Amino acid sequence: MTTEPVAAEDVFSALADPTRRRLLELLSERGDATATELAGDLPVSRQAVVKHLVVLDGAGLVTARRDGRERRYQVRPDALAATARWMNQVAAQWSSRLTAIKRLAEQAEGD
């Protein structure tokens, strides 16, 4: 498990693919699952699921643990939470800027 902060770009890139978003949904519902179990609910091969899981792991969105001969994957919500916090900060900055622009426009109208 890595302790490095995950870049928002990595999270956005990983979430850009609908199959990866569906994998996260499935893992959230189940708690954990193997690539074989996940492939049973998707129109892609087990090998494709593994490739998607590697991308999700690289973005810090899932983690894998050995269970005998299998690897069980789980969602790691911390990367999503960090990205959501970043998005909220950006939204707050834009809201502040738009409020300032509105105030200037209203002052210009009054002059």
N, C-alpha and C. Protein backbone atom coordinates (compact mmCIF):
# COMPACT_ATOMS: atom_id res chain seq x y z
N MET A 1 0.84 -1.18 0.00
CA MET A 1 0.00 0.00 0.00
C MET A 1 0.89 1.24 0.00
N THR A 2 0.65 2.15 -0.94
CA THR A 2 1.46 3.35 -1.06
C THR A 2 0.92 4.47 -0.17
N THR A 3 1.81 5.31 0.32
CA THR A 3 1.40 6.45 1.13
C THR A 3 1.56 7.75 0.35
N GLU A 4 2.01 7.66 -0.90
CA GLU A 4 2.16 8.84 -1.73
C GLU A 4 0.79 9.40 -2.09
N PRO A 5 0.67 10.74 -2.14
CA PRO A 5 -0.61 11.29 -2.56
C PRO A 5 -0.87 10.95 -4.02
N VAL A 6 -2.10 10.69 -4.32
CA VAL A 6 -2.48 10.35 -5.69
C VAL A 6 -2.83 11.63 -6.43
N ALA A 7 -2.32 11.76 -7.64
CA ALA A 7 -2.60 12.93 -8.45
C ALA A 7 -4.03 12.86 -8.97
N ALA A 8 -4.70 14.00 -8.93
CA ALA A 8 -6.07 14.07 -9.43
C ALA A 8 -6.14 13.62 -10.90
N GLU A 9 -5.09 13.91 -11.66
CA GLU A 9 -5.08 13.52 -13.08
C GLU A 9 -5.16 12.00 -13.22
N ASP A 10 -4.47 11.29 -12.34
CA ASP A 10 -4.50 9.83 -12.38
C ASP A 10 -5.90 9.30 -12.08
N VAL A 11 -6.55 9.91 -11.11
CA VAL A 11 -7.91 9.50 -10.75
C VAL A 11 -8.86 9.78 -11.90
N PHE A 12 -8.79 11.00 -12.46
CA PHE A 12 -9.68 11.36 -13.57
C PHE A 12 -9.44 10.44 -14.77
N SER A 13 -8.19 10.16 -15.06
CA SER A 13 -7.86 9.29 -16.18
C SER A 13 -8.43 7.89 -15.97
N ALA A 14 -8.27 7.38 -14.75
CA ALA A 14 -8.79 6.04 -14.45
C ALA A 14 -10.31 6.00 -14.53
N LEU A 15 -10.96 7.07 -14.08
CA LEU A 15 -12.42 7.10 -14.07
C LEU A 15 -13.04 7.45 -15.42
N ALA A 16 -12.20 7.82 -16.38
CA ALA A 16 -12.71 8.18 -17.70
C ALA A 16 -13.31 6.99 -18.43
N ASP A 17 -12.91 5.81 -18.06
CA ASP A 17 -13.38 4.60 -18.74
C ASP A 17 -14.62 4.04 -18.02
N PRO A 18 -15.71 3.81 -18.75
CA PRO A 18 -16.93 3.30 -18.10
C PRO A 18 -16.76 1.91 -17.48
N THR A 19 -15.91 1.09 -18.05
CA THR A 19 -15.69 -0.24 -17.47
C THR A 19 -15.02 -0.12 -16.12
N ARG A 20 -14.07 0.79 -16.00
CA ARG A 20 -13.40 0.98 -14.71
C ARG A 20 -14.37 1.55 -13.68
N ARG A 21 -15.24 2.46 -14.11
CA ARG A 21 -16.24 2.98 -13.17
C ARG A 21 -17.16 1.86 -12.70
N ARG A 22 -17.54 0.98 -13.61
CA ARG A 22 -18.40 -0.15 -13.25
C ARG A 22 -17.66 -1.09 -12.29
N LEU A 23 -16.38 -1.32 -12.52
CA LEU A 23 -15.60 -2.16 -11.61
C LEU A 23 -15.60 -1.57 -10.20
N LEU A 24 -15.44 -0.26 -10.09
CA LEU A 24 -15.48 0.37 -8.78
C LEU A 24 -16.85 0.20 -8.12
N GLU A 25 -17.91 0.32 -8.92
CA GLU A 25 -19.26 0.12 -8.38
C GLU A 25 -19.42 -1.30 -7.85
N LEU A 26 -18.99 -2.27 -8.65
CA LEU A 26 -19.10 -3.67 -8.24
C LEU A 26 -18.31 -3.94 -6.97
N LEU A 27 -17.10 -3.41 -6.91
CA LEU A 27 -16.28 -3.62 -5.72
C LEU A 27 -16.89 -2.92 -4.49
N SER A 28 -17.48 -1.76 -4.71
CA SER A 28 -18.13 -1.06 -3.60
C SER A 28 -19.31 -1.86 -3.06
N GLU A 29 -20.06 -2.47 -3.97
CA GLU A 29 -21.22 -3.28 -3.57
C GLU A 29 -20.79 -4.55 -2.84
N ARG A 30 -19.73 -5.19 -3.32
CA ARG A 30 -19.32 -6.50 -2.80
C ARG A 30 -18.35 -6.43 -1.63
N GLY A 31 -17.62 -5.37 -1.53
CA GLY A 31 -16.57 -5.28 -0.51
C GLY A 31 -15.23 -5.71 -1.07
N ASP A 32 -15.18 -6.87 -1.68
CA ASP A 32 -13.98 -7.32 -2.38
C ASP A 32 -14.38 -8.40 -3.37
N ALA A 33 -13.49 -8.64 -4.34
CA ALA A 33 -13.77 -9.65 -5.36
C ALA A 33 -12.50 -9.95 -6.14
N THR A 34 -12.50 -11.10 -6.80
CA THR A 34 -11.39 -11.46 -7.69
C THR A 34 -11.71 -10.95 -9.09
N ALA A 35 -10.71 -10.91 -9.95
CA ALA A 35 -10.91 -10.50 -11.33
C ALA A 35 -11.89 -11.44 -12.03
N THR A 36 -11.82 -12.73 -11.71
CA THR A 36 -12.73 -13.71 -12.32
C THR A 36 -14.17 -13.42 -11.91
N GLU A 37 -14.39 -13.13 -10.63
CA GLU A 37 -15.74 -12.81 -10.16
C GLU A 37 -16.27 -11.55 -10.84
N LEU A 38 -15.42 -10.56 -10.96
CA LEU A 38 -15.83 -9.30 -11.59
C LEU A 38 -16.12 -9.48 -13.07
N ALA A 39 -15.32 -10.29 -13.74
CA ALA A 39 -15.52 -10.52 -15.18
C ALA A 39 -16.87 -11.17 -15.45
N GLY A 40 -17.38 -11.92 -14.49
CA GLY A 40 -18.69 -12.55 -14.66
C GLY A 40 -19.83 -11.55 -14.80
N ASP A 41 -19.62 -10.32 -14.34
CA ASP A 41 -20.65 -9.29 -14.41
C ASP A 41 -20.39 -8.25 -15.49
N LEU A 42 -19.38 -8.48 -16.29
CA LEU A 42 -19.01 -7.50 -17.32
C LEU A 42 -18.88 -8.16 -18.68
N PRO A 43 -19.10 -7.38 -19.74
CA PRO A 43 -18.98 -7.95 -21.10
C PRO A 43 -17.55 -7.95 -21.62
N VAL A 44 -16.59 -8.15 -20.72
CA VAL A 44 -15.18 -8.20 -21.11
C VAL A 44 -14.53 -9.43 -20.50
N SER A 45 -13.38 -9.78 -21.00
CA SER A 45 -12.67 -10.97 -20.51
C SER A 45 -12.03 -10.71 -19.15
N ARG A 46 -11.64 -11.79 -18.51
CA ARG A 46 -10.93 -11.69 -17.24
C ARG A 46 -9.63 -10.91 -17.42
N GLN A 47 -8.94 -11.15 -18.54
CA GLN A 47 -7.69 -10.46 -18.81
C GLN A 47 -7.92 -8.95 -18.94
N ALA A 48 -9.01 -8.56 -19.57
CA ALA A 48 -9.34 -7.13 -19.69
C ALA A 48 -9.64 -6.54 -18.31
N VAL A 49 -10.34 -7.30 -17.49
CA VAL A 49 -10.64 -6.84 -16.13
C VAL A 49 -9.34 -6.61 -15.36
N VAL A 50 -8.40 -7.54 -15.48
CA VAL A 50 -7.12 -7.40 -14.79
C VAL A 50 -6.41 -6.12 -15.26
N LYS A 51 -6.41 -5.85 -16.55
CA LYS A 51 -5.77 -4.64 -17.06
C LYS A 51 -6.43 -3.39 -16.49
N HIS A 52 -7.75 -3.40 -16.41
CA HIS A 52 -8.46 -2.26 -15.83
C HIS A 52 -8.13 -2.11 -14.34
N LEU A 53 -8.04 -3.23 -13.64
CA LEU A 53 -7.71 -3.19 -12.22
C LEU A 53 -6.31 -2.65 -11.99
N VAL A 54 -5.38 -2.94 -12.89
CA VAL A 54 -4.02 -2.40 -12.79
C VAL A 54 -4.06 -0.87 -12.88
N VAL A 55 -4.87 -0.35 -13.80
CA VAL A 55 -5.00 1.11 -13.94
C VAL A 55 -5.61 1.71 -12.67
N LEU A 56 -6.67 1.06 -12.16
CA LEU A 56 -7.31 1.55 -10.93
C LEU A 56 -6.35 1.50 -9.76
N ASP A 57 -5.54 0.45 -9.70
CA ASP A 57 -4.54 0.33 -8.63
C ASP A 57 -3.49 1.44 -8.76
N GLY A 58 -3.05 1.70 -9.97
CA GLY A 58 -2.07 2.76 -10.19
C GLY A 58 -2.58 4.13 -9.79
N ALA A 59 -3.89 4.32 -9.89
CA ALA A 59 -4.49 5.60 -9.50
C ALA A 59 -4.83 5.63 -8.01
N GLY A 60 -4.54 4.53 -7.33
CA GLY A 60 -4.82 4.47 -5.89
C GLY A 60 -6.27 4.22 -5.55
N LEU A 61 -7.06 3.77 -6.52
CA LEU A 61 -8.49 3.57 -6.30
C LEU A 61 -8.86 2.19 -5.80
N VAL A 62 -7.98 1.21 -6.05
CA VAL A 62 -8.20 -0.13 -5.52
C VAL A 62 -6.89 -0.66 -4.96
N THR A 63 -7.01 -1.67 -4.15
CA THR A 63 -5.85 -2.37 -3.63
C THR A 63 -6.12 -3.86 -3.76
N ALA A 64 -5.06 -4.64 -3.83
CA ALA A 64 -5.19 -6.09 -3.96
C ALA A 64 -4.45 -6.78 -2.83
N ARG A 65 -5.01 -7.89 -2.41
CA ARG A 65 -4.33 -8.72 -1.41
C ARG A 65 -4.38 -10.16 -1.87
N ARG A 66 -3.35 -10.90 -1.54
CA ARG A 66 -3.29 -12.32 -1.87
C ARG A 66 -4.19 -13.10 -0.93
N ASP A 67 -4.93 -14.01 -1.51
CA ASP A 67 -5.76 -14.95 -0.75
C ASP A 67 -5.55 -16.31 -1.39
N GLY A 68 -4.55 -17.02 -0.93
CA GLY A 68 -4.18 -18.28 -1.58
C GLY A 68 -3.60 -17.98 -2.94
N ARG A 69 -4.19 -18.57 -3.96
CA ARG A 69 -3.71 -18.35 -5.33
C ARG A 69 -4.39 -17.16 -5.99
N GLU A 70 -5.36 -16.59 -5.33
CA GLU A 70 -6.13 -15.49 -5.92
C GLU A 70 -5.68 -14.15 -5.37
N ARG A 71 -6.02 -13.12 -6.13
CA ARG A 71 -5.85 -11.75 -5.67
C ARG A 71 -7.26 -11.17 -5.51
N ARG A 72 -7.53 -10.66 -4.32
CA ARG A 72 -8.83 -10.05 -4.04
C ARG A 72 -8.65 -8.54 -4.03
N TYR A 73 -9.53 -7.86 -4.75
CA TYR A 73 -9.44 -6.41 -4.90
C TYR A 73 -10.49 -5.72 -4.04
N GLN A 74 -10.12 -4.55 -3.52
CA GLN A 74 -11.02 -3.73 -2.71
C GLN A 74 -10.87 -2.28 -3.14
N VAL A 75 -11.93 -1.51 -2.94
CA VAL A 75 -11.88 -0.08 -3.22
C VAL A 75 -11.09 0.62 -2.12
N ARG A 76 -10.30 1.60 -2.53
CA ARG A 76 -9.59 2.48 -1.60
C ARG A 76 -10.21 3.86 -1.74
N PRO A 77 -11.13 4.23 -0.87
CA PRO A 77 -11.86 5.49 -1.02
C PRO A 77 -11.02 6.74 -0.78
N ASP A 78 -9.84 6.61 -0.20
CA ASP A 78 -9.04 7.80 0.12
C ASP A 78 -8.65 8.61 -1.11
N ALA A 79 -8.37 7.95 -2.24
CA ALA A 79 -8.00 8.69 -3.46
C ALA A 79 -9.20 9.46 -3.99
N LEU A 80 -10.37 8.85 -3.93
CA LEU A 80 -11.58 9.56 -4.37
C LEU A 80 -11.87 10.72 -3.43
N ALA A 81 -11.71 10.52 -2.15
CA ALA A 81 -11.97 11.58 -1.18
C ALA A 81 -11.01 12.75 -1.38
N ALA A 82 -9.73 12.45 -1.62
CA ALA A 82 -8.75 13.51 -1.85
C ALA A 82 -9.08 14.29 -3.12
N THR A 83 -9.50 13.61 -4.16
CA THR A 83 -9.87 14.28 -5.41
C THR A 83 -11.13 15.11 -5.20
N ALA A 84 -12.09 14.60 -4.45
CA ALA A 84 -13.32 15.36 -4.16
C ALA A 84 -12.99 16.63 -3.37
N ARG A 85 -12.06 16.53 -2.40
CA ARG A 85 -11.66 17.72 -1.64
C ARG A 85 -11.02 18.76 -2.57
N TRP A 86 -10.17 18.30 -3.48
CA TRP A 86 -9.53 19.21 -4.44
C TRP A 86 -10.59 19.88 -5.31
N MET A 87 -11.56 19.10 -5.79
CA MET A 87 -12.62 19.65 -6.63
C MET A 87 -13.45 20.68 -5.86
N ASN A 88 -13.72 20.42 -4.60
CA ASN A 88 -14.46 21.38 -3.78
C ASN A 88 -13.69 22.68 -3.60
N GLN A 89 -12.37 22.59 -3.45
CA GLN A 89 -11.55 23.79 -3.33
C GLN A 89 -11.59 24.61 -4.62
N VAL A 90 -11.48 23.92 -5.75
CA VAL A 90 -11.54 24.61 -7.04
C VAL A 90 -12.91 25.26 -7.23
N ALA A 91 -13.97 24.54 -6.87
CA ALA A 91 -15.33 25.09 -6.99
C ALA A 91 -15.50 26.32 -6.12
N ALA A 92 -14.95 26.29 -4.91
CA ALA A 92 -15.05 27.44 -4.01
C ALA A 92 -14.30 28.64 -4.58
N GLN A 93 -13.13 28.40 -5.17
CA GLN A 93 -12.38 29.49 -5.78
C GLN A 93 -13.16 30.12 -6.94
N TRP A 94 -13.76 29.28 -7.77
CA TRP A 94 -14.53 29.79 -8.90
C TRP A 94 -15.76 30.54 -8.42
N SER A 95 -16.41 30.03 -7.39
CA SER A 95 -17.57 30.70 -6.85
C SER A 95 -17.20 32.09 -6.34
N SER A 96 -16.08 32.18 -5.67
CA SER A 96 -15.59 33.46 -5.17
C SER A 96 -15.29 34.42 -6.32
N ARG A 97 -14.66 33.91 -7.35
CA ARG A 97 -14.34 34.75 -8.52
C ARG A 97 -15.60 35.22 -9.23
N LEU A 98 -16.57 34.34 -9.39
CA LEU A 98 -17.82 34.72 -10.06
C LEU A 98 -18.59 35.75 -9.24
N THR A 99 -18.55 35.63 -7.93
CA THR A 99 -19.20 36.61 -7.06
C THR A 99 -18.55 37.98 -7.23
N ALA A 100 -17.22 37.99 -7.32
CA ALA A 100 -16.51 39.25 -7.51
C ALA A 100 -16.84 39.86 -8.87
N ILE A 101 -16.94 39.05 -9.90
CA ILE A 101 -17.29 39.55 -11.24
C ILE A 101 -18.70 40.12 -11.23
N LYS A 102 -19.63 39.42 -10.58
CA LYS A 102 -21.01 39.89 -10.50
C LYS A 102 -21.07 41.23 -9.78
N ARG A 103 -20.34 41.35 -8.69
CA ARG A 103 -20.30 42.61 -7.93
C ARG A 103 -19.78 43.75 -8.80
N LEU A 104 -18.71 43.49 -9.56
CA LEU A 104 -18.16 44.52 -10.46
C LEU A 104 -19.16 44.90 -11.55
N ALA A 105 -19.84 43.91 -12.09
CA ALA A 105 -20.84 44.19 -13.15
C ALA A 105 -21.99 45.02 -12.60
N GLU A 106 -22.44 44.69 -11.38
CA GLU A 106 -23.53 45.45 -10.77
C GLU A 106 -23.11 46.88 -10.47
N GLN A 107 -21.86 47.05 -10.03
CA GLN A 107 -21.35 48.41 -9.78
C GLN A 107 -21.28 49.20 -11.07
N ALA A 108 -20.85 48.55 -12.15
CA ALA A 108 -20.74 49.23 -13.44
C ALA A 108 -22.12 49.66 -13.95
N GLU A 109 -23.14 48.84 -13.69
CA GLU A 109 -24.51 49.16 -14.10
C GLU A 109 -25.02 50.38 -13.33
N GLY A 110 -24.64 50.46 -12.07
CA GLY A 110 -25.11 51.54 -11.22
C GLY A 110 -24.47 52.88 -11.54
N ASP A 111 -23.32 52.85 -12.19
CA ASP A 111 -22.60 54.10 -12.50
C ASP A 111 -23.18 54.79 -13.69
